[in-house]
PDB file of N, CA and C in Angstrom:
ATOM      1  N   MET A   1       0.867  -1.093  -0.144  1.00  0.00           N
ATOM      2  CA  MET A   1      -0.005  -0.220   0.144  1.00  0.00           C
ATOM      3  C   MET A   1       0.916   1.292   0.054  1.00  0.00           C
ATOM      4  N   THR A   2       0.265   2.007  -0.761  1.00  0.00           N
ATOM      5  CA  THR A   2       1.419   3.678  -0.491  1.00  0.00           C
ATOM      6  C   THR A   2       0.675   4.630  -0.226  1.00  0.00           C
ATOM      7  N   THR A   3       1.770   5.377   0.275  1.00  0.00           N
ATOM      8  CA  THR A   3       1.163   6.578   1.048  1.00  0.00           C
ATOM      9  C   THR A   3       1.379   7.773   0.491  1.00  0.00           C
ATOM     10  N   GLU A   4       1.817   7.535  -1.039  1.00  0.00           N
ATOM     11  CA  GLU A   4       2.009   8.351  -2.100  1.00  0.00           C
ATOM     12  C   GLU A   4       0.699   9.525  -1.819  1.00  0.00           C
ATOM     13  N   HIS A   5       1.067  10.961  -1.934  1.00  0.00           N
ATOM     14  CA  HIS A   5      -0.219  11.762  -1.906  1.00  0.00           C
ATOM     15  C   HIS A   5      -0.702  11.655  -3.353  1.00  0.00           C
ATOM     16  N   PRO A   6      -2.080  11.907  -3.512  1.00  0.00           N
ATOM     17  CA  PRO A   6      -2.980  11.380  -4.705  1.00  0.00           C
ATOM     18  C   PRO A   6      -2.261  12.050  -5.685  1.00  0.00           C
ATOM     19  N   HIS A   7      -1.947  13.325  -5.507  1.00  0.00           N
ATOM     20  CA  HIS A   7      -1.588  14.681  -6.342  1.00  0.00           C
ATOM     21  C   HIS A   7      -0.198  13.906  -6.997  1.00  0.00           C
ATOM     22  N   GLN A   8       0.904  13.221  -6.276  1.00  0.00           N
ATOM     23  CA  GLN A   8       2.048  12.814  -6.728  1.00  0.00           C
ATOM     24  C   GLN A   8       1.752  11.853  -7.573  1.00  0.00           C
ATOM     25  N   GLN A   9       0.777  10.724  -6.948  1.00  0.00           N
ATOM     26  CA  GLN A   9       0.375   9.826  -7.655  1.00  0.00           C
ATOM     27  C   GLN A   9      -0.083   9.781  -9.125  1.00  0.00           C
ATOM     28  N   LEU A  10      -0.864  10.949  -9.160  1.00  0.00           N
ATOM     29  CA  LEU A  10      -1.509  11.085 -10.494  1.00  0.00           C
ATOM     30  C   LEU A  10      -0.213  11.842 -11.404  1.00  0.00           C
ATOM     31  N   LEU A  11       0.481  12.339 -11.234  1.00  0.00           N
ATOM     32  CA  LEU A  11       1.781  12.932 -11.863  1.00  0.00           C
ATOM     33  C   LEU A  11       2.721  11.707 -12.104  1.00  0.00           C
ATOM     34  N   THR A  12       2.759  11.092 -11.180  1.00  0.00           N
ATOM     35  CA  THR A  12       3.398   9.656 -11.417  1.00  0.00           C
ATOM     36  C   THR A  12       2.942   8.892 -12.565  1.00  0.00           C
ATOM     37  N   HIS A  13       1.597   8.507 -12.746  1.00  0.00           N
ATOM     38  CA  HIS A  13       0.663   8.081 -13.712  1.00  0.00           C
ATOM     39  C   HIS A  13       1.132   8.725 -15.116  1.00  0.00           C
ATOM     40  N   LEU A  14       0.924   9.744 -14.905  1.00  0.00           N
ATOM     41  CA  LEU A  14       0.654  10.841 -16.212  1.00  0.00           C
ATOM     42  C   LEU A  14       2.180  10.483 -16.819  1.00  0.00           C
ATOM     43  N   GLN A  15       3.315  10.546 -16.185  1.00  0.00           N
ATOM     44  CA  GLN A  15       4.639  10.465 -16.461  1.00  0.00           C
ATOM     45  C   GLN A  15       5.111   9.104 -17.005  1.00  0.00           C
ATOM     46  N   GLN A  16       4.119   8.199 -16.514  1.00  0.00           N
ATOM     47  CA  GLN A  16       4.475   7.011 -17.199  1.00  0.00           C
ATOM     48  C   GLN A  16       3.653   6.443 -18.277  1.00  0.00           C
ATOM     49  N   LEU A  17       2.341   7.557 -18.607  1.00  0.00           N
ATOM     50  CA  LEU A  17       1.795   7.722 -19.827  1.00  0.00           C
ATOM     51  C   LEU A  17       2.262   7.883 -20.850  1.00  0.00           C
ATOM     52  N   GLU A  18       3.109   8.929 -20.588  1.00  0.00           N
ATOM     53  CA  GLU A  18       4.040   9.514 -21.604  1.00  0.00           C
ATOM     54  C   GLU A  18       5.253   8.602 -22.163  1.00  0.00           C
ATOM     55  N   ALA A  19       5.743   8.137 -21.126  1.00  0.00           N
ATOM     56  CA  ALA A  19       7.053   7.188 -21.513  1.00  0.00           C
ATOM     57  C   ALA A  19       6.019   6.067 -22.406  1.00  0.00           C
ATOM     58  N   GLU A  20       5.400   5.770 -21.925  1.00  0.00           N
ATOM     59  CA  GLU A  20       4.540   4.233 -22.690  1.00  0.00           C
ATOM     60  C   GLU A  20       4.421   5.083 -23.973  1.00  0.00           C
ATOM     61  N   LEU A  21       3.526   5.944 -24.206  1.00  0.00           N
ATOM     62  CA  LEU A  21       3.273   6.711 -25.549  1.00  0.00           C
ATOM     63  C   LEU A  21       4.468   6.705 -26.309  1.00  0.00           C
ATOM     64  N   GLN A  22       5.409   6.947 -26.046  1.00  0.00           N
ATOM     65  CA  GLN A  22       6.683   7.037 -26.257  1.00  0.00           C
ATOM     66  C   GLN A  22       7.346   5.747 -26.873  1.00  0.00           C
ATOM     67  N   THR A  23       7.178   4.847 -26.140  1.00  0.00           N
ATOM     68  CA  THR A  23       7.695   3.542 -26.266  1.00  0.00           C
ATOM     69  C   THR A  23       6.943   2.877 -27.386  1.00  0.00           C
ATOM     70  N   GLN A  24       5.619   2.962 -27.363  1.00  0.00           N
ATOM     71  CA  GLN A  24       4.829   2.324 -28.575  1.00  0.00           C
ATOM     72  C   GLN A  24       4.484   3.008 -29.747  1.00  0.00           C
ATOM     73  N   LYS A  25       5.641   4.385 -30.010  1.00  0.00           N
ATOM     74  CA  LYS A  25       5.702   4.964 -31.160  1.00  0.00           C
ATOM     75  C   LYS A  25       4.418   5.744 -31.234  1.00  0.00           C
ATOM     76  N   LEU A  26       3.846   6.263 -30.244  1.00  0.00           N
ATOM     77  CA  LEU A  26       2.438   7.042 -30.543  1.00  0.00           C
ATOM     78  C   LEU A  26       2.880   8.564 -29.896  1.00  0.00           C
ATOM     79  N   TRP A  27       3.755   8.973 -29.839  1.00  0.00           N
ATOM     80  CA  TRP A  27       4.282  10.100 -29.572  1.00  0.00           C
ATOM     81  C   TRP A  27       4.841  11.044 -30.560  1.00  0.00           C
ATOM     82  N   SER A  28       4.381  11.943 -30.709  1.00  0.00           N
ATOM     83  CA  SER A  28       4.463  12.996 -31.822  1.00  0.00           C
ATOM     84  C   SER A  28       5.428  14.325 -31.400  1.00  0.00           C
ATOM     85  N   SER A  29       6.433  14.414 -32.147  1.00  0.00           N
ATOM     86  CA  SER A  29       7.551  15.785 -32.124  1.00  0.00           C
ATOM     87  C   SER A  29       6.411  17.038 -32.933  1.00  0.00           C
ATOM     88  N   THR A  30       5.549  16.521 -33.654  1.00  0.00           N
ATOM     89  CA  THR A  30       4.857  17.763 -34.643  1.00  0.00           C
ATOM     90  C   THR A  30       3.552  17.393 -34.003  1.00  0.00           C
ATOM     91  N   PRO A  31       3.203  18.907 -33.487  1.00  0.00           N
ATOM     92  CA  PRO A  31       1.823  19.263 -32.931  1.00  0.00           C
ATOM     93  C   PRO A  31       0.561  19.388 -34.031  1.00  0.00           C
ATOM     94  N   PRO A  32      -0.363  18.696 -33.553  1.00  0.00           N
ATOM     95  CA  PRO A  32      -1.366  19.133 -34.458  1.00  0.00           C
ATOM     96  C   PRO A  32      -1.645  20.448 -34.807  1.00  0.00           C
ATOM     97  N   SER A  33      -2.471  20.839 -35.982  1.00  0.00           N
ATOM     98  CA  SER A  33      -2.411  22.009 -36.573  1.00  0.00           C
ATOM     99  C   SER A  33      -3.690  22.998 -35.401  1.00  0.00           C
ATOM    100  N   PRO A  34      -3.467  23.811 -35.257  1.00  0.00           N
ATOM    101  CA  PRO A  34      -4.363  24.700 -34.124  1.00  0.00           C
ATOM    102  C   PRO A  34      -5.848  24.767 -34.722  1.00  0.00           C
ATOM    103  N   LYS A  35      -6.464  24.392 -36.036  1.00  0.00           N
ATOM    104  CA  LYS A  35      -7.490  24.212 -36.257  1.00  0.00           C
ATOM    105  C   LYS A  35      -8.016  22.692 -35.716  1.00  0.00           C
ATOM    106  N   ALA A  36      -7.071  21.675 -35.635  1.00  0.00           N
ATOM    107  CA  ALA A  36      -7.615  20.424 -34.912  1.00  0.00           C
ATOM    108  C   ALA A  36      -8.102  20.793 -33.494  1.00  0.00           C
ATOM    109  N   LEU A  37      -7.191  21.697 -32.894  1.00  0.00           N
ATOM    110  CA  LEU A  37      -6.913  21.570 -31.689  1.00  0.00           C
ATOM    111  C   LEU A  37      -8.446  22.533 -30.878  1.00  0.00           C
ATOM    112  N   GLU A  38      -8.765  22.990 -32.162  1.00  0.00           N
ATOM    113  CA  GLU A  38     -10.140  24.077 -31.839  1.00  0.00           C
ATOM    114  C   GLU A  38     -11.488  23.056 -31.748  1.00  0.00           C
ATOM    115  N   SER A  39     -11.449  21.826 -31.815  1.00  0.00           N
ATOM    116  CA  SER A  39     -12.447  20.976 -32.049  1.00  0.00           C
ATOM    117  C   SER A  39     -13.116  21.247 -30.790  1.00  0.00           C
ATOM    118  N   VAL A  40     -14.639  21.266 -30.830  1.00  0.00           N
ATOM    119  CA  VAL A  40     -15.424  21.419 -29.741  1.00  0.00           C
ATOM    120  C   VAL A  40     -16.195  19.807 -29.349  1.00  0.00           C
ATOM    121  N   MET A  41     -15.912  19.140 -30.134  1.00  0.00           N
ATOM    122  CA  MET A  41     -16.489  17.405 -29.711  1.00  0.00           C
ATOM    123  C   MET A  41     -15.273  16.927 -28.576  1.00  0.00           C
ATOM    124  N   PRO A  42     -16.239  16.098 -27.478  1.00  0.00           N
ATOM    125  CA  PRO A  42     -15.452  15.585 -26.881  1.00  0.00           C
ATOM    126  C   PRO A  42     -14.316  14.519 -27.338  1.00  0.00           C
ATOM    127  N   PHE A  43     -13.311  14.826 -26.667  1.00  0.00           N
ATOM    128  CA  PHE A  43     -11.901  14.261 -26.736  1.00  0.00           C
ATOM    129  C   PHE A  43     -11.292  14.653 -28.512  1.00  0.00           C
ATOM    130  N   MET A  44     -12.084  15.738 -28.732  1.00  0.00           N
ATOM    131  CA  MET A  44     -11.631  16.133 -30.347  1.00  0.00           C
ATOM    132  C   MET A  44     -11.610  15.107 -31.257  1.00  0.00           C
ATOM    133  N   TYR A  45     -12.924  13.615 -30.948  1.00  0.00           N
ATOM    134  CA  TYR A  45     -12.726  12.813 -31.755  1.00  0.00           C
ATOM    135  C   TYR A  45     -12.785  13.040 -33.346  1.00  0.00           C
ATOM    136  N   ASP A  46     -13.039  14.401 -33.563  1.00  0.00           N
ATOM    137  CA  ASP A  46     -13.385  14.637 -35.183  1.00  0.00           C
ATOM    138  C   ASP A  46     -12.005  14.902 -35.659  1.00  0.00           C
ATOM    139  N   THR A  47     -11.070  15.480 -34.905  1.00  0.00           N
ATOM    140  CA  THR A  47     -10.036  15.727 -35.466  1.00  0.00           C
ATOM    141  C   THR A  47      -8.587  15.297 -35.051  1.00  0.00           C
ATOM    142  N   LEU A  48      -8.389  14.816 -34.142  1.00  0.00           N
ATOM    143  CA  LEU A  48      -7.153  13.935 -33.378  1.00  0.00           C
ATOM    144  C   LEU A  48      -7.592  12.652 -33.048  1.00  0.00           C
ATOM    145  N   GLN A  49      -6.861  11.378 -33.127  1.00  0.00           N
ATOM    146  CA  GLN A  49      -6.908  10.147 -32.855  1.00  0.00           C
ATOM    147  C   GLN A  49      -6.532   9.960 -31.347  1.00  0.00           C
ATOM    148  N   LEU A  50      -7.225   9.299 -30.557  1.00  0.00           N
ATOM    149  CA  LEU A  50      -6.975   9.134 -29.146  1.00  0.00           C
ATOM    150  C   LEU A  50      -5.477   9.414 -28.570  1.00  0.00           C
ATOM    151  N   HIS A  51      -4.687   8.681 -28.892  1.00  0.00           N
ATOM    152  CA  HIS A  51      -3.079   9.054 -28.397  1.00  0.00           C
ATOM    153  C   HIS A  51      -2.834  10.413 -28.640  1.00  0.00           C
ATOM    154  N   GLU A  52      -3.197  10.880 -30.091  1.00  0.00           N
ATOM    155  CA  GLU A  52      -3.192  12.621 -29.722  1.00  0.00           C
ATOM    156  C   GLU A  52      -3.459  13.428 -29.129  1.00  0.00           C
ATOM    157  N   TRP A  53      -4.672  13.104 -28.465  1.00  0.00           N
ATOM    158  CA  TRP A  53      -5.611  13.938 -27.655  1.00  0.00           C
ATOM    159  C   TRP A  53      -4.810  13.841 -26.424  1.00  0.00           C
ATOM    160  N   LEU A  54      -4.656  12.304 -25.976  1.00  0.00           N
ATOM    161  CA  LEU A  54      -3.594  12.112 -24.816  1.00  0.00           C
ATOM    162  C   LEU A  54      -2.467  12.874 -24.696  1.00  0.00           C
ATOM    163  N   GLN A  55      -1.633  12.829 -26.023  1.00  0.00           N
ATOM    164  CA  GLN A  55      -0.587  13.618 -25.883  1.00  0.00           C
ATOM    165  C   GLN A  55      -0.544  15.495 -25.953  1.00  0.00           C
ATOM    166  N   TRP A  56      -1.547  15.745 -26.821  1.00  0.00           N
ATOM    167  CA  TRP A  56      -1.713  17.216 -26.708  1.00  0.00           C
ATOM    168  C   TRP A  56      -2.493  17.871 -25.758  1.00  0.00           C
ATOM    169  N   VAL A  57      -3.813  17.268 -25.537  1.00  0.00           N
ATOM    170  CA  VAL A  57      -4.918  17.771 -24.665  1.00  0.00           C
ATOM    171  C   VAL A  57      -4.712  17.165 -22.931  1.00  0.00           C
ATOM    172  N   PHE A  58      -5.210  15.894 -23.058  1.00  0.00           N
ATOM    173  CA  PHE A  58      -5.239  15.335 -21.933  1.00  0.00           C
ATOM    174  C   PHE A  58      -3.859  16.014 -20.719  1.00  0.00           C
ATOM    175  N   LEU A  59      -2.761  14.954 -21.257  1.00  0.00           N
ATOM    176  CA  LEU A  59      -1.463  15.299 -20.336  1.00  0.00           C
ATOM    177  C   LEU A  59      -1.166  16.963 -20.060  1.00  0.00           C
ATOM    178  N   PRO A  60      -1.022  17.831 -20.898  1.00  0.00           N
ATOM    179  CA  PRO A  60      -0.734  19.143 -20.576  1.00  0.00           C
ATOM    180  C   PRO A  60      -1.885  19.708 -19.608  1.00  0.00           C
ATOM    181  N   ARG A  61      -3.150  19.515 -19.984  1.00  0.00           N
ATOM    182  CA  ARG A  61      -4.260  20.111 -19.238  1.00  0.00           C
ATOM    183  C   ARG A  61      -3.969  19.477 -17.263  1.00  0.00           C
ATOM    184  N   LEU A  62      -3.951  18.457 -17.352  1.00  0.00           N
ATOM    185  CA  LEU A  62      -3.638  17.686 -16.113  1.00  0.00           C
ATOM    186  C   LEU A  62      -2.776  18.125 -15.280  1.00  0.00           C
ATOM    187  N   ARG A  63      -1.245  18.255 -16.328  1.00  0.00           N
ATOM    188  CA  ARG A  63      -0.295  18.574 -15.390  1.00  0.00           C
ATOM    189  C   ARG A  63      -0.381  20.161 -15.187  1.00  0.00           C
ATOM    190  N   ALA A  64      -0.949  21.092 -16.101  1.00  0.00           N
ATOM    191  CA  ALA A  64      -1.119  22.450 -15.598  1.00  0.00           C
ATOM    192  C   ALA A  64      -2.292  22.444 -14.505  1.00  0.00           C
ATOM    193  N   LEU A  65      -3.027  21.815 -14.327  1.00  0.00           N
ATOM    194  CA  LEU A  65      -3.836  21.681 -13.012  1.00  0.00           C
ATOM    195  C   LEU A  65      -3.213  21.396 -11.676  1.00  0.00           C
ATOM    196  N   ILE A  66      -2.187  20.320 -12.060  1.00  0.00           N
ATOM    197  CA  ILE A  66      -1.365  19.929 -11.117  1.00  0.00           C
ATOM    198  C   ILE A  66      -0.621  20.918 -10.548  1.00  0.00           C
ATOM    199  N   ASP A  67       0.325  21.539 -11.509  1.00  0.00           N
ATOM    200  CA  ASP A  67       1.319  22.986 -11.374  1.00  0.00           C
ATOM    201  C   ASP A  67       0.352  23.873 -10.633  1.00  0.00           C
ATOM    202  N   ALA A  68      -0.901  24.567 -11.039  1.00  0.00           N
ATOM    203  CA  ALA A  68      -1.274  25.269 -10.654  1.00  0.00           C
ATOM    204  C   ALA A  68      -2.278  25.228  -9.000  1.00  0.00           C
ATOM    205  N   ARG A  69      -1.937  23.618  -8.771  1.00  0.00           N
ATOM    206  CA  ARG A  69      -2.591  23.637  -7.280  1.00  0.00           C
ATOM    207  C   ARG A  69      -4.316  23.671  -7.923  1.00  0.00           C
ATOM    208  N   GLY A  70      -4.510  23.454  -8.661  1.00  0.00           N
ATOM    209  CA  GLY A  70      -6.102  23.687  -9.327  1.00  0.00           C
ATOM    210  C   GLY A  70      -6.875  22.446  -8.935  1.00  0.00           C
ATOM    211  N   GLN A  71      -8.367  22.725  -9.072  1.00  0.00           N
ATOM    212  CA  GLN A  71      -8.960  21.348  -8.986  1.00  0.00           C
ATOM    213  C   GLN A  71      -9.099  20.742 -10.051  1.00  0.00           C
ATOM    214  N   LEU A  72      -9.046  19.380  -9.876  1.00  0.00           N
ATOM    215  CA  LEU A  72      -8.807  18.163 -10.822  1.00  0.00           C
ATOM    216  C   LEU A  72     -10.323  17.598 -11.155  1.00  0.00           C
ATOM    217  N   PRO A  73     -10.088  17.007 -12.372  1.00  0.00           N
ATOM    218  CA  PRO A  73     -11.795  16.458 -12.760  1.00  0.00           C
ATOM    219  C   PRO A  73     -12.072  15.175 -11.508  1.00  0.00           C
ATOM    220  N   HIS A  74     -13.188  15.064 -11.113  1.00  0.00           N
ATOM    221  CA  HIS A  74     -13.949  14.512  -9.773  1.00  0.00           C
ATOM    222  C   HIS A  74     -14.211  13.060 -10.748  1.00  0.00           C
ATOM    223  N   GLN A  75     -14.388  13.015 -12.060  1.00  0.00           N
ATOM    224  CA  GLN A  75     -14.507  11.754 -12.890  1.00  0.00           C
ATOM    225  C   GLN A  75     -13.893  11.443 -14.216  1.00  0.00           C
ATOM    226  N   SER A  76     -13.136  10.589 -14.277  1.00  0.00           N
ATOM    227  CA  SER A  76     -12.590   9.855 -15.489  1.00  0.00           C
ATOM    228  C   SER A  76     -12.860   8.672 -16.000  1.00  0.00           C
ATOM    229  N   HIS A  77     -13.440   8.926 -17.312  1.00  0.00           N
ATOM    230  CA  HIS A  77     -13.611   7.239 -17.683  1.00  0.00           C
ATOM    231  C   HIS A  77     -13.122   7.229 -19.172  1.00  0.00           C
ATOM    232  N   ILE A  78     -11.652   7.604 -19.144  1.00  0.00           N
ATOM    233  CA  ILE A  78     -10.772   7.471 -20.228  1.00  0.00           C
ATOM    234  C   ILE A  78     -10.438   6.035 -20.791  1.00  0.00           C
ATOM    235  N   HIS A  79     -10.210   5.252 -19.615  1.00  0.00           N
ATOM    236  CA  HIS A  79      -9.981   3.787 -19.679  1.00  0.00           C
ATOM    237  C   HIS A  79     -10.615   3.124 -20.769  1.00  0.00           C
ATOM    238  N   PRO A  80     -12.190   3.235 -20.526  1.00  0.00           N
ATOM    239  CA  PRO A  80     -13.192   2.617 -21.288  1.00  0.00           C
ATOM    240  C   PRO A  80     -13.276   2.846 -22.766  1.00  0.00           C
ATOM    241  N   LEU A  81     -12.896   4.388 -22.876  1.00  0.00           N
ATOM    242  CA  LEU A  81     -13.090   5.144 -23.951  1.00  0.00           C
ATOM    243  C   LEU A  81     -11.762   4.400 -24.698  1.00  0.00           C
ATOM    244  N   ALA A  82     -10.595   4.305 -24.284  1.00  0.00           N
ATOM    245  CA  ALA A  82      -9.637   3.788 -24.917  1.00  0.00           C
ATOM    246  C   ALA A  82      -9.827   2.395 -25.352  1.00  0.00           C
ATOM    247  N   GLU A  83     -10.384   1.352 -24.694  1.00  0.00           N
ATOM    248  CA  GLU A  83     -10.484   0.085 -24.852  1.00  0.00           C
ATOM    249  C   GLU A  83     -11.503  -0.243 -26.002  1.00  0.00           C
ATOM    250  N   HIS A  84     -12.294   0.830 -26.149  1.00  0.00           N
ATOM    251  CA  HIS A  84     -12.992   0.598 -27.316  1.00  0.00           C
ATOM    252  C   HIS A  84     -12.655   1.088 -28.507  1.00  0.00           C
ATOM    253  N   GLU A  85     -11.842   2.284 -28.580  1.00  0.00           N
ATOM    254  CA  GLU A  85     -11.038   3.221 -29.610  1.00  0.00           C
ATOM    255  C   GLU A  85      -9.557   1.936 -30.106  1.00  0.00           C
ATOM    256  N   TRP A  86      -9.208   1.407 -29.538  1.00  0.00           N
ATOM    257  CA  TRP A  86      -8.238   0.624 -29.906  1.00  0.00           C
ATOM    258  C   TRP A  86      -8.240  -1.018 -29.896  1.00  0.00           C
ATOM    259  N   GLU A  87      -9.951  -1.179 -29.845  1.00  0.00           N
ATOM    260  CA  GLU A  87      -9.896  -2.737 -29.973  1.00  0.00           C
ATOM    261  C   GLU A  87      -9.484  -3.304 -30.820  1.00  0.00           C
ATOM    262  N   LYS A  88      -9.469  -2.615 -32.108  1.00  0.00           N
ATOM    263  CA  LYS A  88      -9.343  -3.274 -33.794  1.00  0.00           C
ATOM    264  C   LYS A  88      -7.581  -2.613 -33.965  1.00  0.00           C
ATOM    265  N   ARG A  89      -7.118  -2.137 -33.057  1.00  0.00           N
ATOM    266  CA  ARG A  89      -5.772  -1.559 -33.337  1.00  0.00           C
ATOM    267  C   ARG A  89      -4.735  -2.849 -33.174  1.00  0.00           C
ATOM    268  N   HIS A  90      -4.064  -3.034 -34.066  1.00  0.00           N
ATOM    269  CA  HIS A  90      -2.938  -4.230 -33.946  1.00  0.00           C
ATOM    270  C   HIS A  90      -1.306  -3.657 -34.090  1.00  0.00           C
ATOM    271  N   ASP A  91      -1.417  -2.134 -34.133  1.00  0.00           N
ATOM    272  CA  ASP A  91      -0.236  -1.523 -34.750  1.00  0.00           C
ATOM    273  C   ASP A  91       0.896  -1.099 -33.624  1.00  0.00           C
ATOM    274  N   PHE A  92       0.089  -1.495 -32.292  1.00  0.00           N
ATOM    275  CA  PHE A  92       1.065  -1.217 -30.736  1.00  0.00           C
ATOM    276  C   PHE A  92       0.644  -1.980 -29.896  1.00  0.00           C
ATOM    277  N   ASP A  93       1.187  -1.977 -28.845  1.00  0.00           N
ATOM    278  CA  ASP A  93       0.610  -2.830 -27.980  1.00  0.00           C
ATOM    279  C   ASP A  93       0.143  -2.015 -26.666  1.00  0.00           C
ATOM    280  N   LYS A  94      -1.367  -2.411 -26.993  1.00  0.00           N
ATOM    281  CA  LYS A  94      -1.681  -1.513 -26.157  1.00  0.00           C
ATOM    282  C   LYS A  94      -2.394  -1.629 -24.303  1.00  0.00           C
ATOM    283  N   VAL A  95      -1.584  -2.772 -24.181  1.00  0.00           N
ATOM    284  CA  VAL A  95      -2.022  -3.636 -22.877  1.00  0.00           C
ATOM    285  C   VAL A  95      -1.192  -2.487 -21.719  1.00  0.00           C
ATOM    286  N   GLN A  96      -0.231  -2.105 -21.881  1.00  0.00           N
ATOM    287  CA  GLN A  96       0.584  -1.193 -20.582  1.00  0.00           C
ATOM    288  C   GLN A  96      -0.130   0.576 -20.652  1.00  0.00           C
ATOM    289  N   LEU A  97      -0.699   0.577 -22.008  1.00  0.00           N
ATOM    290  CA  LEU A  97      -1.283   2.081 -22.050  1.00  0.00           C
ATOM    291  C   LEU A  97      -2.666   1.498 -21.259  1.00  0.00           C
ATOM    292  N   LEU A  98      -3.655   0.706 -21.562  1.00  0.00           N
ATOM    293  CA  LEU A  98      -4.331   0.701 -20.647  1.00  0.00           C
ATOM    294  C   LEU A  98      -4.389   0.554 -19.379  1.00  0.00           C
ATOM    295  N   VAL A  99      -3.619  -0.456 -18.779  1.00  0.00           N
ATOM    296  CA  VAL A  99      -3.246  -0.185 -17.419  1.00  0.00           C
ATOM    297  C   VAL A  99      -3.051   1.090 -16.989  1.00  0.00           C
ATOM    298  N   LEU A 100      -2.268   1.829 -17.320  1.00  0.00           N
ATOM    299  CA  LEU A 100      -1.817   3.168 -16.907  1.00  0.00           C
ATOM    300  C   LEU A 100      -3.263   4.302 -17.009  1.00  0.00           C
ATOM    301  N   LEU A 101      -3.870   4.191 -18.196  1.00  0.00           N
ATOM    302  CA  LEU A 101      -5.383   4.518 -17.964  1.00  0.00           C
ATOM    303  C   LEU A 101      -6.285   4.445 -16.918  1.00  0.00           C
ATOM    304  N   GLU A 102      -6.339   2.973 -16.815  1.00  0.00           N
ATOM    305  CA  GLU A 102      -7.296   2.673 -15.488  1.00  0.00           C
ATOM    306  C   GLU A 102      -6.828   3.181 -14.435  1.00  0.00           C
ATOM    307  N   ARG A 103      -5.334   3.322 -14.446  1.00  0.00           N
ATOM    308  CA  ARG A 103      -4.629   4.139 -12.711  1.00  0.00           C
ATOM    309  C   ARG A 103      -4.946   5.195 -12.755  1.00  0.00           C
ATOM    310  N   ILE A 104      -5.302   5.985 -13.762  1.00  0.00           N
ATOM    311  CA  ILE A 104      -5.387   7.407 -13.898  1.00  0.00           C
ATOM    312  C   ILE A 104      -6.932   7.670 -13.539  1.00  0.00           C
ATOM    313  N   ASP A 105      -7.568   6.792 -14.373  1.00  0.00           N
ATOM    314  CA  ASP A 105      -8.952   7.034 -13.726  1.00  0.00           C
ATOM    315  C   ASP A 105      -9.330   6.747 -12.397  1.00  0.00           C
ATOM    316  N   ILE A 106      -8.834   5.631 -12.008  1.00  0.00           N
ATOM    317  CA  ILE A 106      -8.948   5.366 -10.490  1.00  0.00           C
ATOM    318  C   ILE A 106      -8.519   6.580  -9.521  1.00  0.00           C
ATOM    319  N   THR A 107      -7.478   7.075 -10.014  1.00  0.00           N
ATOM    320  CA  THR A 107      -7.175   7.896  -8.893  1.00  0.00           C
ATOM    321  C   THR A 107      -7.732   9.215  -8.917  1.00  0.00           C
ATOM    322  N   LEU A 108      -8.166   9.667 -10.383  1.00  0.00           N
ATOM    323  CA  LEU A 108      -9.155  10.831 -10.698  1.00  0.00           C
ATOM    324  C   LEU A 108     -10.242  10.710  -9.412  1.00  0.00           C
ATOM    325  N   ASN A 109     -11.183   9.341  -9.683  1.00  0.00           N
ATOM    326  CA  ASN A 109     -12.222   8.694  -9.218  1.00  0.00           C
ATOM    327  C   ASN A 109     -12.734   8.664  -7.946  1.00  0.00           C
ATOM    328  N   LYS A 110     -11.266   8.747  -7.301  1.00  0.00           N
ATOM    329  CA  LYS A 110     -11.138   8.512  -5.635  1.00  0.00           C
ATOM    330  C   LYS A 110     -11.960   9.840  -5.365  1.00  0.00           C
ATOM    331  N   GLY A 111     -11.611  10.719  -5.862  1.00  0.00           N
ATOM    332  CA  GLY A 111     -12.148  12.234  -5.620  1.00  0.00           C
ATOM    333  C   GLY A 111     -10.687  12.794  -4.647  1.00  0.00           C
ATOM    334  N   SER A 112     -11.288  13.661  -3.897  1.00  0.00           N
ATOM    335  CA  SER A 112     -10.250  14.482  -2.510  1.00  0.00           C
ATOM    336  C   SER A 112      -8.932  14.760  -3.402  1.00  0.00           C
ATOM    337  N   LEU A 113      -8.879  15.073  -4.628  1.00  0.00           N
ATOM    338  CA  LEU A 113      -7.905  15.904  -5.218  1.00  0.00           C
ATOM    339  C   LEU A 113      -7.627  16.952  -5.636  1.00  0.00           C
ATOM    340  N   THR A 114      -8.812  17.640  -5.095  1.00  0.00           N
ATOM    341  CA  THR A 114      -8.720  19.514  -4.540  1.00  0.00           C
ATOM    342  C   THR A 114      -7.369  19.673  -3.751  1.00  0.00           C
ATOM    343  N   PRO A 115      -6.196  20.227  -4.163  1.00  0.00           N
ATOM    344  CA  PRO A 115      -5.465  20.654  -3.468  1.00  0.00           C
ATOM    345  C   PRO A 115      -6.040  21.503  -2.167  1.00  0.00           C
ATOM    346  N   PRO A 116      -5.699  21.603  -0.762  1.00  0.00           N
ATOM    347  CA  PRO A 116      -5.788  22.573   0.242  1.00  0.00           C
ATOM    348  C   PRO A 116      -5.490  23.747  -0.090  1.00  0.00           C
ATOM    349  N   ASN A 117      -6.603  24.596   0.363  1.00  0.00           N
ATOM    350  CA  ASN A 117      -6.286  26.091   0.220  1.00  0.00           C
ATOM    351  C   ASN A 117      -5.055  26.658   1.353  1.00  0.00           C
ATOM    352  N   GLN A 118      -3.897  26.964   0.834  1.00  0.00           N
ATOM    353  CA  GLN A 118      -2.851  27.168   1.494  1.00  0.00           C
ATOM    354  C   GLN A 118      -2.964  28.590   2.363  1.00  0.00           C
ATOM    355  N   ASP A 119      -3.955  28.998   2.009  1.00  0.00           N
ATOM    356  CA  ASP A 119      -4.298  30.725   2.841  1.00  0.00           C
ATOM    357  C   ASP A 119      -5.353  30.183   3.710  1.00  0.00           C
ATOM    358  N   ALA A 120      -6.189  28.915   4.081  1.00  0.00           N
ATOM    359  CA  ALA A 120      -7.041  28.872   5.129  1.00  0.00           C
ATOM    360  C   ALA A 120      -6.510  28.553   5.951  1.00  0.00           C
ATOM    361  N   ALA A 121      -4.913  28.060   6.194  1.00  0.00           N
ATOM    362  CA  ALA A 121      -4.377  27.927   7.782  1.00  0.00           C
ATOM    363  C   ALA A 121      -4.049  29.510   8.144  1.00  0.00           C
ATOM    364  N   HIS A 122      -4.070  30.321   7.544  1.00  0.00           N
ATOM    365  CA  HIS A 122      -3.093  31.420   7.956  1.00  0.00           C
ATOM    366  C   HIS A 122      -4.686  32.461   8.438  1.00  0.00           C
TER     367      HIS A 122
END
């Protein structure tokens, strides 16, 4: 059992997800077009593949929230989406990616991930 703070636990999972996306050759050094990032569809599924959304939207947003000590989502269901989206993909090994996404979902769904207000103690 770990005593690691949930924010640190989430950050660790995000780092592992990034590393695994790179290992599976799903990481790109070229960002999507600004137009693709303007999508208002959930997960930008009309303009990005799931792994692109994870790299260019999901990971940066969660890291920014952690860095800013902002309120993190209380619900996450990325794992079932990834299972569905990657069901017929055989061009990469999705097993570890799915494990990591499930860990992220579990960590976010536990709740209590809003950092305490530093000013409240003063």
